[in-house]
Amino acid sequence: MLNLIKSKKEMKFKNLALFYIVLDSILIAVTSAFGSVELLNSQVAFICSTLILFASYFGYKSRVKNKSINYQLSEQEIELFEDDIDEQTQELDTQDSNNKNDKKPAKFRKIDILGAFKPLRLISYLILIVAFFALLRQGIFEPISFLVGLALMPLGVFIAGVFYGRK
């Protein structure tokens, strides 16, 4: 049973990799028609956005895996949750005493930012910044093709979500 689940996950990953190879091939075909500089800019941006995507995926995957194995919250997270509960009860008390029709302001959760500071993700963003400045310094930066290369990754995630969501 476990092997069947692993093989399904590997198949989904292979399908997703094939999907991005097809998207990259389309990007190469379109941008090469405009010139080699545009091709270079779009490929640099696409590769950097792919690195960011996979770094984010592996960072969050390891975080979820670690949390599911341990089933225990760290001291910092317990304090955060206790603070949230204390703040919520205080807000409810003050809200009941003041006015029930006032809307609560959106709260910033400290726990949500922990995934943003994973080393692989930070390195991926650093690579994107260095690549941007390298293209700019060489005088071959083309913003439109660079943005097309960057935008293809989120667009691909959306298309894959819609496509695989129907199955």
C-alpha atoms as a PDB file:
ATOM      1  CA  MET A   1       0.000   0.000   0.000  1.00  0.00           C
ATOM      2  CA  LEU A   2       2.818   2.392   0.912  1.00  0.00           C
ATOM      3  CA  ASN A   3       4.604   1.647  -2.368  1.00  0.00           C
ATOM      4  CA  LEU A   4       1.419   2.444  -4.283  1.00  0.00           C
ATOM      5  CA  ILE A   5       1.167   5.833  -2.569  1.00  0.00           C
ATOM      6  CA  LYS A   6       4.829   6.571  -3.285  1.00  0.00           C
ATOM      7  CA  SER A   7       4.457   5.594  -6.927  1.00  0.00           C
ATOM      8  CA  LYS A   8       1.411   7.883  -7.294  1.00  0.00           C
ATOM      9  CA  LYS A   9       3.363  10.776  -5.785  1.00  0.00           C
ATOM     10  CA  GLU A  10       6.318  10.077  -8.079  1.00  0.00           C
ATOM     11  CA  MET A  11       3.947   9.948 -11.048  1.00  0.00           C
ATOM     12  CA  LYS A  12       2.419  13.308 -10.108  1.00  0.00           C
ATOM     13  CA  PHE A  13       5.893  14.805  -9.715  1.00  0.00           C
ATOM     14  CA  LYS A  14       6.944  13.373 -13.092  1.00  0.00           C
ATOM     15  CA  ASN A  15       3.785  14.755 -14.716  1.00  0.00           C
ATOM     16  CA  LEU A  16       4.416  18.145 -13.147  1.00  0.00           C
ATOM     17  CA  ALA A  17       8.054  18.120 -14.291  1.00  0.00           C
ATOM     18  CA  LEU A  18       6.949  17.185 -17.797  1.00  0.00           C
ATOM     19  CA  PHE A  19       4.364  19.983 -17.695  1.00  0.00           C
ATOM     20  CA  TYR A  20       7.060  22.559 -16.826  1.00  0.00           C
ATOM     21  CA  ILE A  21       9.387  21.192 -19.499  1.00  0.00           C
ATOM     22  CA  VAL A  22       6.616  21.744 -22.044  1.00  0.00           C
ATOM     23  CA  LEU A  23       6.008  25.280 -20.709  1.00  0.00           C
ATOM     24  CA  ASP A  24       9.731  26.020 -20.880  1.00  0.00           C
ATOM     25  CA  SER A  25       9.902  24.677 -24.432  1.00  0.00           C
ATOM     26  CA  ILE A  26       7.076  27.025 -25.430  1.00  0.00           C
ATOM     27  CA  LEU A  27       8.899  29.878 -23.712  1.00  0.00           C
ATOM     28  CA  ILE A  28      12.109  29.020 -25.570  1.00  0.00           C
ATOM     29  CA  ALA A  29      10.292  28.884 -28.908  1.00  0.00           C
ATOM     30  CA  VAL A  30       8.561  32.226 -28.380  1.00  0.00           C
ATOM     31  CA  THR A  31      11.486  34.188 -26.959  1.00  0.00           C
ATOM     32  CA  SER A  32      14.041  32.811 -29.413  1.00  0.00           C
ATOM     33  CA  ALA A  33      11.979  34.395 -32.190  1.00  0.00           C
ATOM     34  CA  PHE A  34      12.760  37.791 -30.644  1.00  0.00           C
ATOM     35  CA  GLY A  35      16.498  37.225 -30.218  1.00  0.00           C
ATOM     36  CA  SER A  36      19.160  35.658 -28.074  1.00  0.00           C
ATOM     37  CA  VAL A  37      19.127  38.396 -25.424  1.00  0.00           C
ATOM     38  CA  GLU A  38      15.401  37.916 -24.835  1.00  0.00           C
ATOM     39  CA  LEU A  39      15.908  34.155 -24.717  1.00  0.00           C
ATOM     40  CA  LEU A  40      18.674  34.542 -22.131  1.00  0.00           C
ATOM     41  CA  ASN A  41      16.594  36.896 -19.957  1.00  0.00           C
ATOM     42  CA  SER A  42      13.524  34.668 -20.015  1.00  0.00           C
ATOM     43  CA  GLN A  43      15.509  31.517 -19.250  1.00  0.00           C
ATOM     44  CA  VAL A  44      17.413  33.124 -16.372  1.00  0.00           C
ATOM     45  CA  ALA A  45      14.132  34.329 -14.858  1.00  0.00           C
ATOM     46  CA  PHE A  46      12.392  30.991 -15.433  1.00  0.00           C
ATOM     47  CA  ILE A  47      15.225  29.014 -13.846  1.00  0.00           C
ATOM     48  CA  CYS A  48      15.336  31.365 -10.842  1.00  0.00           C
ATOM     49  CA  SER A  49      11.584  31.166 -10.333  1.00  0.00           C
ATOM     50  CA  THR A  50      11.786  27.375 -10.602  1.00  0.00           C
ATOM     51  CA  LEU A  51      14.486  27.336  -7.925  1.00  0.00           C
ATOM     52  CA  ILE A  52      12.294  29.505  -5.682  1.00  0.00           C
ATOM     53  CA  LEU A  53       9.302  27.236  -6.236  1.00  0.00           C
ATOM     54  CA  PHE A  54      11.175  24.044  -5.392  1.00  0.00           C
ATOM     55  CA  ALA A  55      12.943  25.632  -2.414  1.00  0.00           C
ATOM     56  CA  SER A  56       9.592  26.766  -1.041  1.00  0.00           C
ATOM     57  CA  TYR A  57       8.075  23.345  -1.663  1.00  0.00           C
ATOM     58  CA  PHE A  58      10.875  21.440   0.061  1.00  0.00           C
ATOM     59  CA  GLY A  59      10.984  23.918   2.955  1.00  0.00           C
ATOM     60  CA  TYR A  60       7.285  23.630   3.664  1.00  0.00           C
ATOM     61  CA  LYS A  61       7.342  19.884   3.063  1.00  0.00           C
ATOM     62  CA  SER A  62      10.067  19.382   5.670  1.00  0.00           C
ATOM     63  CA  ARG A  63       8.240  21.683   8.091  1.00  0.00           C
ATOM     64  CA  VAL A  64       5.005  19.724   7.754  1.00  0.00           C
ATOM     65  CA  LYS A  65       6.852  16.412   7.990  1.00  0.00           C
ATOM     66  CA  ASN A  66       8.654  17.481  11.158  1.00  0.00           C
ATOM     67  CA  LYS A  67       5.434  18.714  12.741  1.00  0.00           C
ATOM     68  CA  SER A  68       3.531  15.558  11.834  1.00  0.00           C
ATOM     69  CA  ILE A  69       6.238  13.287  13.245  1.00  0.00           C
ATOM     70  CA  ASN A  70       6.632  15.123  16.534  1.00  0.00           C
ATOM     71  CA  TYR A  71       2.990  15.992  17.287  1.00  0.00           C
ATOM     72  CA  GLN A  72       4.341  18.403  19.840  1.00  0.00           C
ATOM     73  CA  LEU A  73       4.646  22.133  19.588  1.00  0.00           C
ATOM     74  CA  SER A  74       7.900  23.809  20.441  1.00  0.00           C
ATOM     75  CA  GLU A  75       8.070  26.145  23.419  1.00  0.00           C
ATOM     76  CA  GLN A  76       8.038  29.161  21.104  1.00  0.00           C
ATOM     77  CA  GLU A  77       4.911  27.972  19.300  1.00  0.00           C
ATOM     78  CA  ILE A  78       3.149  27.100  22.556  1.00  0.00           C
ATOM     79  CA  GLU A  79       3.852  30.635  23.772  1.00  0.00           C
ATOM     80  CA  LEU A  80       2.559  32.050  20.499  1.00  0.00           C
ATOM     81  CA  PHE A  81      -0.651  30.055  20.728  1.00  0.00           C
ATOM     82  CA  GLU A  82      -1.101  30.940  24.393  1.00  0.00           C
ATOM     83  CA  ASP A  83      -0.545  34.609  23.539  1.00  0.00           C
ATOM     84  CA  ASP A  84      -3.117  34.328  20.747  1.00  0.00           C
ATOM     85  CA  ILE A  85      -5.668  32.758  23.098  1.00  0.00           C
ATOM     86  CA  ASP A  86      -5.020  35.392  25.779  1.00  0.00           C
ATOM     87  CA  GLU A  87      -5.285  38.207  23.206  1.00  0.00           C
ATOM     88  CA  GLN A  88      -8.473  36.759  21.758  1.00  0.00           C
ATOM     89  CA  THR A  89     -10.151  36.453  25.149  1.00  0.00           C
ATOM     90  CA  GLN A  90      -9.101  40.005  26.036  1.00  0.00           C
ATOM     91  CA  GLU A  91     -10.411  41.267  22.708  1.00  0.00           C
ATOM     92  CA  LEU A  92     -13.704  39.454  23.225  1.00  0.00           C
ATOM     93  CA  ASP A  93     -14.068  40.930  26.715  1.00  0.00           C
ATOM     94  CA  THR A  94     -13.364  44.461  25.518  1.00  0.00           C
ATOM     95  CA  GLN A  95     -15.530  43.951  22.472  1.00  0.00           C
ATOM     96  CA  ASP A  96     -18.490  42.804  24.541  1.00  0.00           C
ATOM     97  CA  SER A  97     -18.140  45.783  26.812  1.00  0.00           C
ATOM     98  CA  ASN A  98     -17.723  48.318  23.970  1.00  0.00           C
ATOM     99  CA  ASN A  99     -19.734  47.612  20.836  1.00  0.00           C
ATOM    100  CA  LYS A 100     -20.615  44.324  19.189  1.00  0.00           C
ATOM    101  CA  ASN A 101     -20.921  45.849  15.715  1.00  0.00           C
ATOM    102  CA  ASP A 102     -17.244  46.892  15.413  1.00  0.00           C
ATOM    103  CA  LYS A 103     -15.143  44.715  13.143  1.00  0.00           C
ATOM    104  CA  LYS A 104     -12.011  43.067  14.481  1.00  0.00           C
ATOM    105  CA  PRO A 105      -8.786  44.195  12.782  1.00  0.00           C
ATOM    106  CA  ALA A 106      -6.859  41.577  10.859  1.00  0.00           C
ATOM    107  CA  LYS A 107      -4.246  39.930  13.054  1.00  0.00           C
ATOM    108  CA  PHE A 108      -0.720  39.148  11.946  1.00  0.00           C
ATOM    109  CA  ARG A 109       0.215  35.632  12.912  1.00  0.00           C
ATOM    110  CA  LYS A 110       3.834  35.238  13.942  1.00  0.00           C
ATOM    111  CA  ILE A 111       3.792  31.530  13.176  1.00  0.00           C
ATOM    112  CA  ASP A 112       3.090  32.105   9.473  1.00  0.00           C
ATOM    113  CA  ILE A 113       6.413  33.832   8.790  1.00  0.00           C
ATOM    114  CA  LEU A 114       8.572  30.915   9.924  1.00  0.00           C
ATOM    115  CA  GLY A 115       8.341  29.297   6.481  1.00  0.00           C
ATOM    116  CA  ALA A 116       9.619  32.449   4.781  1.00  0.00           C
ATOM    117  CA  PHE A 117      13.069  32.178   6.323  1.00  0.00           C
ATOM    118  CA  LYS A 118      14.144  28.751   5.157  1.00  0.00           C
ATOM    119  CA  PRO A 119      17.779  28.754   3.929  1.00  0.00           C
ATOM    120  CA  LEU A 120      17.048  27.195   0.519  1.00  0.00           C
ATOM    121  CA  ARG A 121      14.350  29.748  -0.176  1.00  0.00           C
ATOM    122  CA  LEU A 122      16.567  32.659   0.850  1.00  0.00           C
ATOM    123  CA  ILE A 123      19.404  31.335  -1.322  1.00  0.00           C
ATOM    124  CA  SER A 124      17.002  31.033  -4.267  1.00  0.00           C
ATOM    125  CA  TYR A 125      15.933  34.648  -3.894  1.00  0.00           C
ATOM    126  CA  LEU A 126      19.567  35.663  -3.588  1.00  0.00           C
ATOM    127  CA  ILE A 127      20.329  33.849  -6.859  1.00  0.00           C
ATOM    128  CA  LEU A 128      17.456  35.735  -8.521  1.00  0.00           C
ATOM    129  CA  ILE A 129      18.804  39.078  -7.309  1.00  0.00           C
ATOM    130  CA  VAL A 130      22.364  38.268  -8.384  1.00  0.00           C
ATOM    131  CA  ALA A 131      21.147  37.113 -11.809  1.00  0.00           C
ATOM    132  CA  PHE A 132      19.129  40.306 -12.220  1.00  0.00           C
ATOM    133  CA  PHE A 133      22.103  42.513 -11.389  1.00  0.00           C
ATOM    134  CA  ALA A 134      24.438  40.431 -13.564  1.00  0.00           C
ATOM    135  CA  LEU A 135      22.158  40.938 -16.583  1.00  0.00           C
ATOM    136  CA  LEU A 136      21.804  44.607 -15.747  1.00  0.00           C
ATOM    137  CA  ARG A 137      25.556  45.114 -15.345  1.00  0.00           C
ATOM    138  CA  GLN A 138      26.308  43.445 -18.673  1.00  0.00           C
ATOM    139  CA  GLY A 139      23.788  45.731 -20.358  1.00  0.00           C
ATOM    140  CA  ILE A 140      21.672  42.863 -21.663  1.00  0.00           C
ATOM    141  CA  PHE A 141      18.704  43.147 -19.316  1.00  0.00           C
ATOM    142  CA  GLU A 142      15.351  43.109 -21.131  1.00  0.00           C
ATOM    143  CA  PRO A 143      12.556  43.709 -18.613  1.00  0.00           C
ATOM    144  CA  ILE A 144       9.657  42.330 -20.660  1.00  0.00           C
ATOM    145  CA  SER A 145      11.284  38.978 -21.398  1.00  0.00           C
ATOM    146  CA  PHE A 146      12.576  38.760 -17.825  1.00  0.00           C
ATOM    147  CA  LEU A 147       9.086  39.347 -16.441  1.00  0.00           C
ATOM    148  CA  VAL A 148       7.603  36.815 -18.878  1.00  0.00           C
ATOM    149  CA  GLY A 149      10.096  34.237 -17.596  1.00  0.00           C
ATOM    150  CA  LEU A 150       9.211  35.068 -13.984  1.00  0.00           C
ATOM    151  CA  ALA A 151       5.462  35.082 -14.608  1.00  0.00           C
ATOM    152  CA  LEU A 152       5.465  31.702 -16.329  1.00  0.00           C
ATOM    153  CA  MET A 153       6.040  29.812 -13.081  1.00  0.00           C
ATOM    154  CA  PRO A 154       3.003  31.161 -11.154  1.00  0.00           C
ATOM    155  CA  LEU A 155       0.924  30.904 -14.312  1.00  0.00           C
ATOM    156  CA  GLY A 156       2.031  27.279 -14.660  1.00  0.00           C
ATOM    157  CA  VAL A 157       1.092  26.571 -11.053  1.00  0.00           C
ATOM    158  CA  PHE A 158      -2.360  28.020 -11.699  1.00  0.00           C
ATOM    159  CA  ILE A 159      -2.845  26.060 -14.935  1.00  0.00           C
ATOM    160  CA  ALA A 160      -1.596  22.835 -13.324  1.00  0.00           C
ATOM    161  CA  GLY A 161      -3.930  23.385 -10.371  1.00  0.00           C
ATOM    162  CA  VAL A 162      -6.896  23.850 -12.660  1.00  0.00           C
ATOM    163  CA  PHE A 163      -5.896  20.926 -14.878  1.00  0.00           C
ATOM    164  CA  TYR A 164      -5.126  18.467 -12.082  1.00  0.00           C
ATOM    165  CA  GLY A 165      -8.009  19.761  -9.961  1.00  0.00           C
ATOM    166  CA  ARG A 166     -10.511  18.481 -12.524  1.00  0.00           C
ATOM    167  CA  LYS A 167      -9.182  14.934 -12.353  1.00  0.00           C
END
